[in-house]
Amino acid sequence: MDRERPLIVLTLALGLALVAPSLRPQGESADETLARARQAYTEQGPEAALPLFERALDMYRKAADRRGEAIVLGHIGNCHKRLGDLSRALEYVNEALTMKRELGDKLEEGKTLSHLGLVYWEMGDYRQAIEHLTRSISLARELGDQQLEAAALNNLSLVYDEQGDYRRSLEQYQRALELHRATHFQEGESATLGNIGGVYLLLGQFREALRYYQQALAISEALKLKASASQDLGNIAMCQLGLGQVEVAMNTFDRALALAREAGIRKEEADWHKGKGEALFRIGKYNLALEQYGQALEVYERAGLRRELIEALNDLGNVHALLGDAASAEKEFRRAVALARQLGHSRGVTFNLISLGNLEWRRRRFEEAAALYSEALARAREADDRAHITACLIQLALTEPELNRFDAALQAGEDALQLARHEGTRLAEAEALYALGEAERRQGRFETALERNAAGEEIVRSLGEPELGWRLAYSRGLALEQAGRLEDAVAAYQRAVSIIEA
């Protein structure tokens, strides 16, 4: 069973966590160059902005303005981070941190600690990310700076999101939201509302996600923030897609795309091409879907957004796999793995290993699939990436019965179920129940299998998740048929068909 990774725009509160204000640089020309660099970053992206930041850095150094130098070093580090060169990003941001400490500027130190946390987050080094972001929060509280605290809390939640620790993530987002509202920082409020929506989208709770994204959009539109409004609209479209409202989602993606082009935000432009590709795929327009994915890849590559490129290659590989083109799918997955290893993007390696495992599963090469899932599981455990730990366990629970290893399947399924319940990931809980039901059915434990299916179907109905819904109904039909309850089996099969047709 494939797991879809929702497309989520995770706003990083750049104005707070990454970008320090100008601190009266002695050289006016350096100040103007820095302003142009910031504008270029916003309108054209990191590749266009980097030479301007480097020019500003040279000016500040010639003027012996160490504060200006420290600020620009952080900007340059951020450019390298966005361009996927995380080792250089780490080098520049660490240099900025050292200088700010030497200058005794604790507020700027706190901002740079938050920035470093984000670099480690990008690298998949969650322990270091949490350590730096926690230190940033402590400094913010010591200084009584609620805006810095809110930004660091928001960014800490991004780490918890990727670990699959959604309960803790929501707690931090809610605290950040309170602080943004207390300081009347509406842009931060909008960003955090959107990120809360992102958690619910990851949890498969599309209606709840939609509620938060709509609140975020209302603020973005009131403030005339085109980039933020594009992000909010694109994520609203993802919710609509999750609820099966494909045509509505297509229109919303078009609105998001138009705003992304007006604002010159290339990442989001590519993101919404991907979203349209998924929508077109769902209604059977496969060639048009591949065109949209191709446009997304082109934008990511042109903009040098290599982390996003890893995810886009994975998405494209999944489309090829669903179309039965295993060779093209494998090519994209392996290209993504190679790029992720090159960038030190641990999570990117993990989810592409899972996709390669899924491909081997379709080829009915179950030993190879199990080996890939196990490798991905080891990586996920090393990073304490709970979302992918759960995903790997579910895939193993579905694979081990094909190798007549039922005890291993049941253990993996139970471990996944307990972890999903602990983390509050309802969709993953339903997937684990489906995997356990299949393992029980294949062992002839029909009543236990039916109990698992019923529990999974109840969750799916509350989430409005049709893909898993029809699979659970079909699995129930198989169990009923094998148990000799033919009329009930027919009803279950009809239920599966009705979900697919809808």
Protein backbone atom coordinates (compact mmCIF):
# COMPACT_ATOMS: atom_id res chain seq x y z
CA MET A 1 0.00 0.00 0.00
CA ASP A 2 1.39 3.37 -0.99
CA ARG A 3 1.58 6.22 1.45
CA GLU A 4 1.09 9.69 0.05
CA ARG A 5 3.08 12.45 1.59
CA PRO A 6 0.91 15.56 1.59
CA LEU A 7 2.40 18.60 -0.04
CA ILE A 8 2.78 21.14 2.69
CA VAL A 9 4.29 24.60 2.57
CA LEU A 10 6.02 24.96 5.97
CA THR A 11 6.43 28.69 6.59
CA LEU A 12 9.65 29.32 8.50
CA ALA A 13 8.87 32.80 9.85
CA LEU A 14 11.87 34.13 7.94
CA GLY A 15 11.37 37.68 9.12
CA LEU A 16 11.93 36.52 12.67
CA ALA A 17 14.04 33.42 12.68
CA LEU A 18 16.35 33.97 9.76
CA VAL A 19 16.56 37.63 8.86
CA ALA A 20 18.03 40.16 11.21
CA PRO A 21 17.17 43.84 10.75
CA SER A 22 19.78 46.26 9.50
CA LEU A 23 21.78 47.61 12.43
CA ARG A 24 22.80 51.05 11.11
CA PRO A 25 25.65 50.00 8.79
CA GLN A 26 28.29 52.70 8.49
CA GLY A 27 28.40 52.45 4.73
CA GLU A 28 25.14 53.61 3.14
CA SER A 29 25.96 51.81 -0.10
CA ALA A 30 26.31 48.55 1.81
CA ASP A 31 22.90 49.16 3.36
CA GLU A 32 21.37 49.77 -0.06
CA THR A 33 23.04 46.66 -1.48
CA LEU A 34 21.69 44.62 1.42
CA ALA A 35 18.20 46.00 0.77
CA ARG A 36 18.45 45.06 -2.92
CA ALA A 37 19.69 41.60 -1.97
CA ARG A 38 16.71 41.08 0.33
CA GLN A 39 14.36 42.24 -2.41
CA ALA A 40 16.01 39.92 -4.93
CA TYR A 41 15.69 37.03 -2.49
CA THR A 42 11.96 37.70 -2.06
CA GLU A 43 11.18 38.27 -5.73
CA GLN A 44 13.66 36.04 -7.58
CA GLY A 45 14.98 33.54 -5.08
CA PRO A 46 18.33 32.66 -3.47
CA GLU A 47 20.34 32.20 -6.67
CA ALA A 48 19.73 35.78 -7.79
CA ALA A 49 20.21 37.22 -4.30
CA LEU A 50 23.46 35.47 -3.37
CA PRO A 51 25.87 37.68 -5.43
CA LEU A 52 24.27 40.81 -3.94
CA PHE A 53 24.63 39.49 -0.41
CA GLU A 54 28.28 38.64 -1.13
CA ARG A 55 28.83 42.19 -2.43
CA ALA A 56 27.24 43.63 0.72
CA LEU A 57 29.47 41.38 2.84
CA ASP A 58 32.58 42.73 1.13
CA MET A 59 31.40 46.31 1.74
CA TYR A 60 30.73 45.73 5.43
CA ARG A 61 34.14 44.12 5.86
CA LYS A 62 35.89 47.05 4.16
CA ALA A 63 33.98 49.39 6.46
CA ALA A 64 34.97 47.25 9.49
CA ASP A 65 31.26 47.00 10.34
CA ARG A 66 31.15 43.71 12.22
CA ARG A 67 27.43 43.91 13.00
CA GLY A 68 26.57 44.34 9.34
CA GLU A 69 29.01 41.57 8.45
CA ALA A 70 27.39 39.19 10.95
CA ILE A 71 23.91 39.93 9.61
CA VAL A 72 24.91 39.34 5.99
CA LEU A 73 26.69 36.10 6.88
CA GLY A 74 23.35 34.81 8.15
CA HIS A 75 21.65 35.82 4.89
CA ILE A 76 24.34 34.09 2.82
CA GLY A 77 23.94 30.97 4.94
CA ASN A 78 20.21 31.07 4.30
CA CYS A 79 20.79 31.31 0.53
CA HIS A 80 23.04 28.25 0.61
CA LYS A 81 20.42 26.44 2.70
CA ARG A 82 17.71 27.19 0.16
CA LEU A 83 20.04 26.10 -2.66
CA GLY A 84 20.61 22.78 -0.91
CA ASP A 85 24.27 23.31 0.04
CA LEU A 86 23.77 22.58 3.73
CA SER A 87 27.44 22.23 4.66
CA ARG A 88 28.19 25.75 3.39
CA ALA A 89 25.03 27.04 5.06
CA LEU A 90 26.24 25.59 8.36
CA GLU A 91 29.66 27.20 7.88
CA TYR A 92 28.25 30.70 7.29
CA VAL A 93 25.61 30.59 10.00
CA ASN A 94 28.11 29.30 12.58
CA GLU A 95 30.44 32.17 11.63
CA ALA A 96 27.55 34.61 12.10
CA LEU A 97 26.79 33.10 15.51
CA THR A 98 30.41 33.43 16.66
CA MET A 99 30.51 37.10 15.64
CA LYS A 100 27.22 37.94 17.32
CA ARG A 101 28.40 36.34 20.54
CA GLU A 102 31.64 38.34 20.36
CA LEU A 103 29.55 41.48 19.92
CA GLY A 104 27.49 40.54 22.97
CA ASP A 105 24.22 40.85 21.04
CA LYS A 106 22.01 38.25 22.71
CA LEU A 107 18.94 39.04 20.61
CA GLU A 108 20.84 38.42 17.37
CA GLU A 109 22.42 35.36 18.95
CA GLY A 110 18.94 34.00 19.64
CA LYS A 111 17.87 34.59 16.05
CA THR A 112 20.96 32.87 14.71
CA LEU A 113 20.49 29.88 17.04
CA SER A 114 17.01 29.52 15.55
CA HIS A 115 18.51 29.77 12.06
CA LEU A 116 21.05 27.05 12.91
CA GLY A 117 18.22 24.88 14.17
CA LEU A 118 16.58 25.18 10.77
CA VAL A 119 19.78 24.18 8.97
CA TYR A 120 20.05 21.07 11.14
CA TRP A 121 16.35 20.42 10.48
CA GLU A 122 17.04 20.51 6.74
CA MET A 123 19.91 18.06 7.28
CA GLY A 124 17.65 15.67 9.17
CA ASP A 125 19.75 16.09 12.34
CA TYR A 126 16.75 16.53 14.60
CA ARG A 127 18.63 16.32 17.89
CA GLN A 128 20.90 19.23 16.97
CA ALA A 129 17.93 21.14 15.56
CA ILE A 130 15.97 20.75 18.80
CA GLU A 131 19.01 21.70 20.89
CA HIS A 132 19.63 24.97 19.00
CA LEU A 133 15.97 25.95 18.81
CA THR A 134 15.49 25.24 22.52
CA ARG A 135 18.47 27.49 23.31
CA SER A 136 16.94 30.19 21.11
CA ILE A 137 13.66 29.92 23.03
CA SER A 138 15.51 30.17 26.36
CA LEU A 139 17.33 33.32 25.23
CA ALA A 140 14.09 34.84 23.96
CA ARG A 141 12.43 34.25 27.33
CA GLU A 142 15.46 35.63 29.17
CA LEU A 143 15.24 38.80 27.05
CA GLY A 144 11.45 38.96 27.17
CA ASP A 145 11.31 39.02 23.36
CA GLN A 146 8.00 37.39 22.51
CA GLN A 147 8.44 37.68 18.74
CA LEU A 148 11.70 35.74 18.79
CA GLU A 149 10.17 33.17 21.14
CA ALA A 150 7.17 32.73 18.84
CA ALA A 151 9.39 32.31 15.77
CA ALA A 152 11.62 29.75 17.49
CA LEU A 153 8.58 27.84 18.80
CA ASN A 154 7.14 27.81 15.29
CA ASN A 155 10.41 26.45 13.89
CA LEU A 156 10.76 23.88 16.68
CA SER A 157 7.34 22.60 15.70
CA LEU A 158 8.60 22.00 12.16
CA VAL A 159 11.14 19.57 13.60
CA TYR A 160 8.47 17.76 15.60
CA ASP A 161 6.34 17.60 12.43
CA GLU A 162 9.06 15.72 10.57
CA GLN A 163 9.61 13.41 13.54
CA GLY A 164 5.90 12.61 13.51
CA ASP A 165 5.53 13.99 17.06
CA TYR A 166 2.35 15.85 16.16
CA ARG A 167 0.99 16.30 19.66
CA ARG A 168 4.09 18.15 20.80
CA SER A 169 4.15 20.04 17.52
CA LEU A 170 0.61 21.32 18.02
CA GLU A 171 1.40 22.37 21.59
CA GLN A 172 4.32 24.53 20.40
CA TYR A 173 2.35 25.99 17.49
CA GLN A 174 -0.50 26.95 19.82
CA ARG A 175 1.94 28.73 22.15
CA ALA A 176 3.52 30.51 19.16
CA LEU A 177 0.06 31.54 17.98
CA GLU A 178 -0.75 33.04 21.39
CA LEU A 179 2.48 35.05 21.32
CA HIS A 180 1.92 36.30 17.77
CA ARG A 181 -1.54 37.49 18.77
CA ALA A 182 -0.25 39.08 21.98
CA THR A 183 2.32 41.07 19.98
CA HIS A 184 -0.19 41.82 17.17
CA PHE A 185 2.17 40.29 14.61
CA GLN A 186 -0.40 39.22 12.04
CA GLU A 187 2.07 37.87 9.49
CA GLY A 188 3.44 35.47 12.11
CA GLU A 189 -0.09 34.57 13.16
CA SER A 190 -0.97 33.70 9.56
CA ALA A 191 2.19 31.59 9.15
CA THR A 192 1.54 29.63 12.34
CA LEU A 193 -2.14 29.11 11.52
CA GLY A 194 -1.01 27.66 8.21
CA ASN A 195 1.46 25.35 9.92
CA ILE A 196 -1.21 24.11 12.34
CA GLY A 197 -3.29 23.37 9.25
CA GLY A 198 -0.27 21.48 7.92
CA VAL A 199 -0.24 19.18 10.95
CA TYR A 200 -3.90 18.32 10.49
CA LEU A 201 -3.25 17.72 6.79
CA LEU A 202 -0.47 15.30 7.72
CA LEU A 203 -2.89 13.61 10.12
CA GLY A 204 -5.43 13.22 7.32
CA GLN A 205 -7.93 15.50 9.10
CA PHE A 206 -8.74 17.52 6.00
CA ARG A 207 -11.71 19.47 7.33
CA GLU A 208 -9.82 20.63 10.41
CA ALA A 209 -6.81 21.54 8.24
CA LEU A 210 -9.10 23.50 5.92
CA ARG A 211 -10.43 25.53 8.85
CA TYR A 212 -6.93 26.71 9.81
CA TYR A 213 -5.81 27.38 6.25
CA GLN A 214 -8.89 29.52 5.64
CA GLN A 215 -8.08 31.60 8.74
CA ALA A 216 -4.51 32.01 7.51
CA LEU A 217 -5.74 33.03 4.05
CA ALA A 218 -8.06 35.68 5.49
CA ILE A 219 -5.09 37.36 7.21
CA SER A 220 -2.81 37.01 4.18
CA GLU A 221 -5.41 38.63 1.93
CA ALA A 222 -6.11 41.42 4.44
CA LEU A 223 -2.39 42.21 4.60
CA LYS A 224 -2.07 41.88 0.79
CA LEU A 225 0.64 39.22 1.17
CA LYS A 226 0.58 37.55 -2.23
CA ALA A 227 3.21 34.93 -1.42
CA SER A 228 1.47 33.86 1.78
CA ALA A 229 -1.92 33.86 0.09
CA SER A 230 -0.53 31.59 -2.62
CA GLN A 231 0.75 29.18 0.03
CA ASP A 232 -2.59 29.19 1.84
CA LEU A 233 -4.59 28.65 -1.36
CA GLY A 234 -2.33 25.80 -2.46
CA ASN A 235 -2.75 24.06 0.86
CA ILE A 236 -6.51 24.63 0.78
CA ALA A 237 -6.47 22.90 -2.61
CA MET A 238 -4.62 19.95 -1.04
CA CYS A 239 -7.39 19.68 1.57
CA GLN A 240 -10.03 19.79 -1.15
CA LEU A 241 -8.16 17.07 -2.99
CA GLY A 242 -8.07 14.97 0.18
CA LEU A 243 -11.84 15.39 0.50
CA GLY A 244 -12.32 14.17 -3.07
CA GLN A 245 -13.29 17.62 -4.42
CA VAL A 246 -11.01 17.32 -7.44
CA GLU A 247 -12.53 19.96 -9.74
CA VAL A 248 -12.76 22.49 -6.91
CA ALA A 249 -9.13 21.74 -6.02
CA MET A 250 -8.04 22.31 -9.63
CA ASN A 251 -9.58 25.80 -9.60
CA THR A 252 -7.95 26.60 -6.27
CA PHE A 253 -4.56 25.42 -7.55
CA ASP A 254 -4.97 27.76 -10.54
CA ARG A 255 -5.58 30.70 -8.18
CA ALA A 256 -2.54 29.72 -6.11
CA LEU A 257 -0.40 29.42 -9.25
CA ALA A 258 -1.46 32.85 -10.52
CA LEU A 259 -0.50 34.47 -7.21
CA ALA A 260 2.81 32.58 -7.08
CA ARG A 261 3.74 33.92 -10.52
CA GLU A 262 2.73 37.47 -9.57
CA ALA A 263 4.82 37.27 -6.39
CA GLY A 264 7.75 35.63 -8.19
CA ILE A 265 7.94 32.72 -5.74
CA ARG A 266 9.23 29.88 -7.85
CA LYS A 267 9.12 27.15 -5.22
CA GLU A 268 5.38 27.61 -4.69
CA GLU A 269 4.82 27.85 -8.44
CA ALA A 270 6.41 24.42 -8.78
CA ASP A 271 4.56 23.08 -5.72
CA TRP A 272 1.18 23.91 -7.22
CA HIS A 273 2.13 22.41 -10.58
CA LYS A 274 2.73 19.21 -8.58
CA GLY A 275 -0.63 19.63 -6.88
CA LYS A 276 -2.37 20.01 -10.22
CA GLY A 277 -0.52 16.94 -11.43
CA GLU A 278 -1.91 14.92 -8.55
CA ALA A 279 -5.43 16.21 -9.22
CA LEU A 280 -5.21 15.38 -12.93
CA PHE A 281 -3.88 11.93 -12.11
CA ARG A 282 -6.87 11.25 -9.87
CA ILE A 283 -9.31 11.94 -12.69
CA GLY A 284 -7.39 9.79 -15.16
CA LYS A 285 -5.73 12.53 -17.22
CA TYR A 286 -2.33 10.90 -16.99
CA ASN A 287 -0.48 12.67 -19.79
CA LEU A 288 -1.59 16.08 -18.52
CA ALA A 289 -0.57 15.03 -15.01
CA LEU A 290 2.93 14.12 -16.21
CA GLU A 291 3.19 17.50 -17.95
CA GLN A 292 2.45 19.27 -14.65
CA TYR A 293 5.04 17.18 -12.80
CA GLY A 294 7.53 17.93 -15.56
CA GLN A 295 6.93 21.68 -15.20
CA ALA A 296 7.46 21.40 -11.45
CA LEU A 297 10.78 19.59 -11.93
CA GLU A 298 11.93 22.20 -14.43
CA VAL A 299 11.21 25.06 -12.00
CA TYR A 300 12.93 23.33 -9.08
CA GLU A 301 16.03 22.58 -11.15
CA ARG A 302 16.20 26.08 -12.64
CA ALA A 303 15.86 27.67 -9.20
CA GLY A 304 18.43 25.35 -7.63
CA LEU A 305 15.90 24.07 -5.07
CA ARG A 306 17.49 20.67 -4.60
CA ARG A 307 15.66 19.57 -1.44
CA GLU A 308 12.34 20.22 -3.19
CA LEU A 309 13.70 18.45 -6.27
CA ILE A 310 14.19 15.29 -4.19
CA GLU A 311 10.51 15.29 -3.24
CA ALA A 312 9.41 16.08 -6.79
CA LEU A 313 11.46 13.18 -8.19
CA ASN A 314 9.82 10.92 -5.62
CA ASP A 315 6.35 12.13 -6.62
CA LEU A 316 7.12 11.63 -10.31
CA GLY A 317 8.46 8.16 -9.58
CA ASN A 318 5.23 7.28 -7.79
CA VAL A 319 3.20 8.43 -10.80
CA HIS A 320 5.28 6.25 -13.14
CA ALA A 321 4.86 3.32 -10.73
CA LEU A 322 1.08 3.71 -10.65
CA LEU A 323 1.06 3.82 -14.46
CA GLY A 324 2.99 0.54 -14.53
CA ASP A 325 6.25 2.03 -15.82
CA ALA A 326 8.54 0.42 -13.25
CA ALA A 327 11.76 1.28 -15.09
CA SER A 328 11.02 5.02 -15.16
CA ALA A 329 9.87 4.91 -11.55
CA GLU A 330 13.07 3.23 -10.40
CA LYS A 331 15.16 5.75 -12.33
CA GLU A 332 13.49 8.69 -10.55
CA PHE A 333 13.68 7.07 -7.10
CA ARG A 334 17.37 6.22 -7.47
CA ARG A 335 18.14 9.70 -8.77
CA ALA A 336 16.37 11.12 -5.70
CA VAL A 337 18.30 8.82 -3.33
CA ALA A 338 21.62 9.85 -4.89
CA LEU A 339 20.77 13.54 -4.60
CA ALA A 340 19.56 13.15 -1.00
CA ARG A 341 22.79 11.36 -0.03
CA GLN A 342 24.83 14.08 -1.74
CA LEU A 343 23.00 16.80 0.23
CA GLY A 344 23.04 14.91 3.52
CA HIS A 345 19.23 14.94 3.48
CA SER A 346 18.60 11.87 5.63
CA ARG A 347 14.83 12.01 5.45
CA GLY A 348 14.94 12.25 1.66
CA VAL A 349 16.95 9.03 1.56
CA THR A 350 14.46 7.35 3.89
CA PHE A 351 11.25 8.10 2.01
CA ASN A 352 12.80 7.21 -1.34
CA LEU A 353 13.96 3.86 0.06
CA ILE A 354 10.34 3.26 1.07
CA SER A 355 9.23 4.11 -2.47
CA LEU A 356 11.80 1.70 -3.91
CA GLY A 357 10.43 -0.92 -1.53
CA ASN A 358 6.91 -0.23 -2.79
CA LEU A 359 8.16 -0.67 -6.35
CA GLU A 360 9.71 -4.05 -5.53
CA TRP A 361 6.44 -5.01 -3.82
CA ARG A 362 4.55 -4.31 -7.06
CA ARG A 363 7.09 -6.43 -8.90
CA ARG A 364 6.31 -9.15 -6.32
CA ARG A 365 9.95 -9.22 -5.26
CA PHE A 366 9.06 -9.37 -1.60
CA GLU A 367 12.49 -10.18 -0.15
CA GLU A 368 13.93 -7.11 -1.87
CA ALA A 369 11.00 -5.00 -0.69
CA ALA A 370 11.41 -6.16 2.91
CA ALA A 371 15.14 -5.39 2.80
CA LEU A 372 14.50 -1.84 1.56
CA TYR A 373 11.81 -1.23 4.20
CA SER A 374 14.16 -2.54 6.88
CA GLU A 375 16.96 -0.24 5.71
CA ALA A 376 14.57 2.72 5.73
CA LEU A 377 13.32 1.70 9.20
CA ALA A 378 16.86 1.67 10.59
CA ARG A 379 17.50 5.17 9.22
CA ALA A 380 14.19 6.46 10.57
CA ARG A 381 14.91 5.05 14.02
CA GLU A 382 18.39 6.58 14.04
CA ALA A 383 16.83 10.00 13.31
CA ASP A 384 13.87 9.42 15.67
CA ASP A 385 11.64 10.07 12.64
CA ARG A 386 8.42 8.63 14.03
CA ALA A 387 6.28 9.26 10.97
CA HIS A 388 8.58 7.16 8.80
CA ILE A 389 9.12 4.56 11.53
CA THR A 390 5.36 4.00 11.45
CA ALA A 391 5.29 3.95 7.65
CA CYS A 392 8.07 1.35 7.44
CA LEU A 393 6.43 -0.88 10.05
CA ILE A 394 3.13 -0.78 8.15
CA GLN A 395 4.84 -1.71 4.89
CA LEU A 396 6.67 -4.58 6.61
CA ALA A 397 3.36 -5.77 8.09
CA LEU A 398 1.98 -5.95 4.55
CA THR A 399 5.10 -7.60 3.10
CA GLU A 400 6.02 -10.30 5.64
CA PRO A 401 2.86 -12.41 4.98
CA GLU A 402 3.96 -12.71 1.34
CA LEU A 403 7.04 -14.49 2.71
CA ASN A 404 4.99 -16.60 5.16
CA ARG A 405 6.47 -14.68 8.09
CA PHE A 406 3.22 -14.03 9.90
CA ASP A 407 4.66 -13.51 13.37
CA ALA A 408 6.95 -10.79 12.02
CA ALA A 409 4.01 -9.21 10.19
CA LEU A 410 1.81 -9.13 13.29
CA GLN A 411 4.63 -7.71 15.41
CA ALA A 412 5.34 -4.96 12.88
CA GLY A 413 1.64 -4.17 12.59
CA GLU A 414 1.13 -4.01 16.36
CA ASP A 415 4.21 -1.79 16.77
CA ALA A 416 2.90 0.54 14.06
CA LEU A 417 -0.57 0.61 15.62
CA GLN A 418 0.75 1.49 19.08
CA LEU A 419 3.05 4.19 17.72
CA ALA A 420 0.26 5.71 15.59
CA ARG A 421 -2.08 5.80 18.58
CA HIS A 422 0.60 7.31 20.81
CA GLU A 423 1.30 10.05 18.26
CA GLY A 424 -2.37 10.62 17.44
CA THR A 425 -1.89 9.91 13.72
CA ARG A 426 -5.35 8.63 12.87
CA LEU A 427 -4.70 7.86 9.21
CA ALA A 428 -1.60 5.81 10.10
CA GLU A 429 -3.67 4.04 12.76
CA ALA A 430 -6.21 3.04 10.11
CA GLU A 431 -3.41 1.87 7.79
CA ALA A 432 -1.94 -0.27 10.57
CA LEU A 433 -5.37 -1.78 11.23
CA TYR A 434 -5.69 -2.58 7.51
CA ALA A 435 -2.28 -4.29 7.50
CA LEU A 436 -3.11 -6.29 10.64
CA GLY A 437 -6.50 -7.27 9.21
CA GLU A 438 -4.86 -8.59 6.06
CA ALA A 439 -2.33 -10.62 8.07
CA GLU A 440 -5.08 -12.06 10.29
CA ARG A 441 -7.26 -12.90 7.28
CA ARG A 442 -4.46 -14.77 5.54
CA GLN A 443 -4.01 -16.89 8.66
CA GLY A 444 -7.71 -17.75 8.69
CA ARG A 445 -8.52 -15.60 11.73
CA PHE A 446 -11.55 -14.08 10.06
CA GLU A 447 -13.33 -12.63 13.09
CA THR A 448 -10.20 -10.87 14.30
CA ALA A 449 -9.59 -9.59 10.77
CA LEU A 450 -13.15 -8.23 10.60
CA GLU A 451 -12.68 -6.44 13.92
CA ARG A 452 -9.54 -4.78 12.57
CA ASN A 453 -11.33 -3.77 9.37
CA ALA A 454 -14.31 -2.34 11.24
CA ALA A 455 -12.06 -0.22 13.47
CA GLY A 456 -10.13 1.02 10.44
CA GLU A 457 -13.30 1.85 8.49
CA GLU A 458 -14.66 3.86 11.41
CA ILE A 459 -11.52 6.02 11.41
CA VAL A 460 -11.57 6.43 7.64
CA ARG A 461 -15.20 7.57 7.66
CA SER A 462 -14.35 10.32 10.14
CA LEU A 463 -11.36 11.41 8.04
CA GLY A 464 -13.05 11.22 4.64
CA GLU A 465 -10.14 9.24 3.13
CA PRO A 466 -11.48 7.32 0.08
CA GLU A 467 -8.29 5.50 -1.03
CA LEU A 468 -7.90 3.59 2.22
CA GLY A 469 -11.68 3.36 2.59
CA TRP A 470 -12.20 1.14 -0.44
CA ARG A 471 -9.21 -1.03 0.47
CA LEU A 472 -10.63 -1.69 3.93
CA ALA A 473 -14.06 -2.46 2.50
CA TYR A 474 -12.53 -4.85 -0.03
CA SER A 475 -10.44 -6.54 2.68
CA ARG A 476 -13.61 -6.98 4.74
CA GLY A 477 -15.29 -8.55 1.71
CA LEU A 478 -12.45 -11.05 1.31
CA ALA A 479 -12.64 -12.04 4.99
CA LEU A 480 -16.42 -12.45 4.83
CA GLU A 481 -16.22 -14.50 1.64
CA GLN A 482 -13.56 -16.80 3.09
CA ALA A 483 -15.65 -17.16 6.25
CA GLY A 484 -18.61 -18.32 4.12
CA ARG A 485 -20.76 -15.22 4.72
CA LEU A 486 -21.41 -14.60 1.05
CA GLU A 487 -24.27 -12.08 1.25
CA ASP A 488 -22.30 -9.92 3.65
CA ALA A 489 -19.26 -10.26 1.40
CA VAL A 490 -21.22 -8.99 -1.62
CA ALA A 491 -22.36 -5.97 0.40
CA ALA A 492 -18.76 -5.21 1.39
CA TYR A 493 -17.57 -5.48 -2.22
CA GLN A 494 -20.39 -3.19 -3.32
CA ARG A 495 -19.31 -0.71 -0.67
CA ALA A 496 -15.76 -0.78 -2.06
CA VAL A 497 -17.05 -0.21 -5.61
CA SER A 498 -19.25 2.70 -4.50
CA ILE A 499 -16.29 4.42 -2.83
CA ILE A 500 -14.17 4.02 -5.97
CA GLU A 501 -16.96 5.32 -8.21
CA ALA A 502 -17.52 8.33 -5.94
